[in-house]
N, C-alpha and C. Protein backbone atom coordinates (compact mmCIF):
# COMPACT_ATOMS: atom_id res chain seq x y z
N MET A 1 -65.98 59.54 68.44
CA MET A 1 -66.98 60.57 68.51
C MET A 1 -67.77 59.68 67.18
N ARG A 2 -68.98 59.01 67.84
CA ARG A 2 -69.65 58.93 66.02
C ARG A 2 -70.48 60.37 65.51
N SER A 3 -70.47 60.59 64.46
CA SER A 3 -70.98 62.29 63.82
C SER A 3 -72.98 61.82 63.89
N VAL A 4 -73.18 62.93 63.95
CA VAL A 4 -74.53 63.19 64.41
C VAL A 4 -75.62 63.21 62.51
N PRO A 5 -76.12 62.44 62.60
CA PRO A 5 -77.44 62.68 61.32
C PRO A 5 -77.89 63.60 60.69
N ARG A 6 -77.60 63.83 59.84
CA ARG A 6 -78.26 65.29 59.82
C ARG A 6 -79.76 65.60 60.08
N TRP A 7 -80.64 64.20 59.62
CA TRP A 7 -81.64 64.88 59.72
C TRP A 7 -81.68 65.41 61.34
N ALA A 8 -81.12 64.93 62.94
CA ALA A 8 -81.38 65.62 63.82
C ALA A 8 -80.93 66.79 63.53
N LEU A 9 -80.07 67.01 63.09
CA LEU A 9 -78.90 68.40 63.12
C LEU A 9 -80.54 69.41 61.94
N LEU A 10 -80.47 69.27 61.50
CA LEU A 10 -82.22 70.28 60.46
C LEU A 10 -82.99 69.85 61.89
N SER A 11 -83.99 68.96 62.69
CA SER A 11 -84.59 68.88 63.02
C SER A 11 -84.42 69.91 64.34
N SER A 12 -83.41 69.75 64.98
CA SER A 12 -82.59 70.47 66.12
C SER A 12 -82.41 72.08 65.39
N GLY A 13 -82.25 72.41 64.79
CA GLY A 13 -81.83 74.43 64.05
C GLY A 13 -83.68 74.26 63.39
N CYS A 14 -84.40 73.64 63.09
CA CYS A 14 -85.48 73.98 62.22
C CYS A 14 -86.44 73.96 64.09
N ALA A 15 -86.39 73.53 64.55
CA ALA A 15 -87.40 73.78 65.60
C ALA A 15 -87.44 74.80 66.06
N PRO A 16 -86.67 75.72 66.65
CA PRO A 16 -86.93 76.93 67.16
C PRO A 16 -87.60 77.91 66.39
N LEU A 17 -86.95 77.28 65.34
CA LEU A 17 -87.33 78.65 63.67
C LEU A 17 -89.12 78.36 63.98
N LEU A 18 -89.60 77.03 63.75
CA LEU A 18 -90.81 76.47 63.72
C LEU A 18 -92.22 77.20 64.87
N LEU A 19 -91.83 76.46 66.04
CA LEU A 19 -92.05 77.14 66.60
C LEU A 19 -91.73 78.80 67.21
N ALA A 20 -91.13 79.23 67.39
CA ALA A 20 -91.65 81.26 66.63
C ALA A 20 -92.12 81.39 65.66
N GLY A 21 -92.02 81.12 64.37
CA GLY A 21 -92.78 81.30 63.02
C GLY A 21 -94.80 80.96 64.32
N GLY A 22 -94.86 79.56 64.35
CA GLY A 22 -95.89 79.87 64.96
C GLY A 22 -96.70 80.94 65.87
N TRP A 23 -95.94 81.14 66.50
CA TRP A 23 -96.58 81.88 67.95
C TRP A 23 -96.86 83.59 67.14
N THR A 24 -96.15 83.58 65.74
CA THR A 24 -96.12 84.83 64.94
C THR A 24 -97.47 84.55 64.50
N VAL A 25 -97.95 83.71 63.71
CA VAL A 25 -98.76 83.38 62.93
C VAL A 25 -100.58 83.60 63.84
N ALA A 26 -100.05 82.73 64.87
CA ALA A 26 -100.91 82.60 65.77
C ALA A 26 -101.49 84.30 66.42
N ALA A 27 -100.64 84.95 66.66
CA ALA A 27 -100.79 86.62 67.49
C ALA A 27 -101.58 87.58 66.25
N LEU A 28 -100.92 87.05 64.87
CA LEU A 28 -101.59 87.96 64.18
C LEU A 28 -103.07 87.41 64.11
N LEU A 29 -103.03 85.86 63.88
CA LEU A 29 -104.92 85.58 63.92
C LEU A 29 -105.63 85.91 64.75
N GLU A 30 -104.85 86.65 66.55
CA GLU A 30 -105.57 86.31 67.65
C GLU A 30 -106.12 88.45 66.51
N GLY A 31 -105.34 89.05 66.40
CA GLY A 31 -105.44 90.47 66.17
C GLY A 31 -105.86 91.04 67.32
N PRO A 32 -105.77 91.67 67.89
CA PRO A 32 -105.67 93.63 68.71
C PRO A 32 -106.72 93.73 69.89
N ALA A 33 -107.40 93.07 69.62
CA ALA A 33 -108.22 92.42 70.70
C ALA A 33 -108.72 91.74 71.68
N TYR A 34 -107.27 90.94 72.13
CA TYR A 34 -107.10 89.95 72.40
C TYR A 34 -105.46 90.68 73.15
N ASP A 35 -105.97 91.38 74.67
CA ASP A 35 -104.57 91.84 76.05
C ASP A 35 -104.38 89.95 76.54
N PRO A 36 -103.49 89.45 76.11
CA PRO A 36 -103.17 88.15 77.50
C PRO A 36 -103.45 88.87 79.00
N VAL A 37 -102.59 89.91 78.90
CA VAL A 37 -102.22 90.00 79.91
C VAL A 37 -103.28 90.62 81.03
N THR A 38 -104.76 91.07 80.34
CA THR A 38 -106.40 90.86 81.19
C THR A 38 -107.00 90.25 80.91
N GLN A 39 -106.69 89.59 80.05
CA GLN A 39 -108.09 88.23 79.43
C GLN A 39 -107.27 86.49 79.67
N THR A 40 -108.08 86.19 79.84
CA THR A 40 -107.89 84.46 79.82
C THR A 40 -108.19 84.44 78.37
N ILE A 41 -107.72 83.19 77.78
CA ILE A 41 -108.25 82.47 76.38
C ILE A 41 -109.65 81.87 76.38
N SER A 42 -110.30 81.53 76.95
CA SER A 42 -111.97 81.12 77.82
C SER A 42 -113.00 82.08 77.41
N VAL A 43 -112.35 83.79 77.58
CA VAL A 43 -113.70 84.62 77.14
C VAL A 43 -113.74 85.16 75.85
């Protein structure tokens, strides 16, 4: 079996962390006035 390159392990390991971090930052920037359950993005 061939070994997996380090860059592949790094990118696959960082992807979930970066996605969750992006969602968290976006939620903080959006503020408490936006409720995704009751409002659409276009409001």
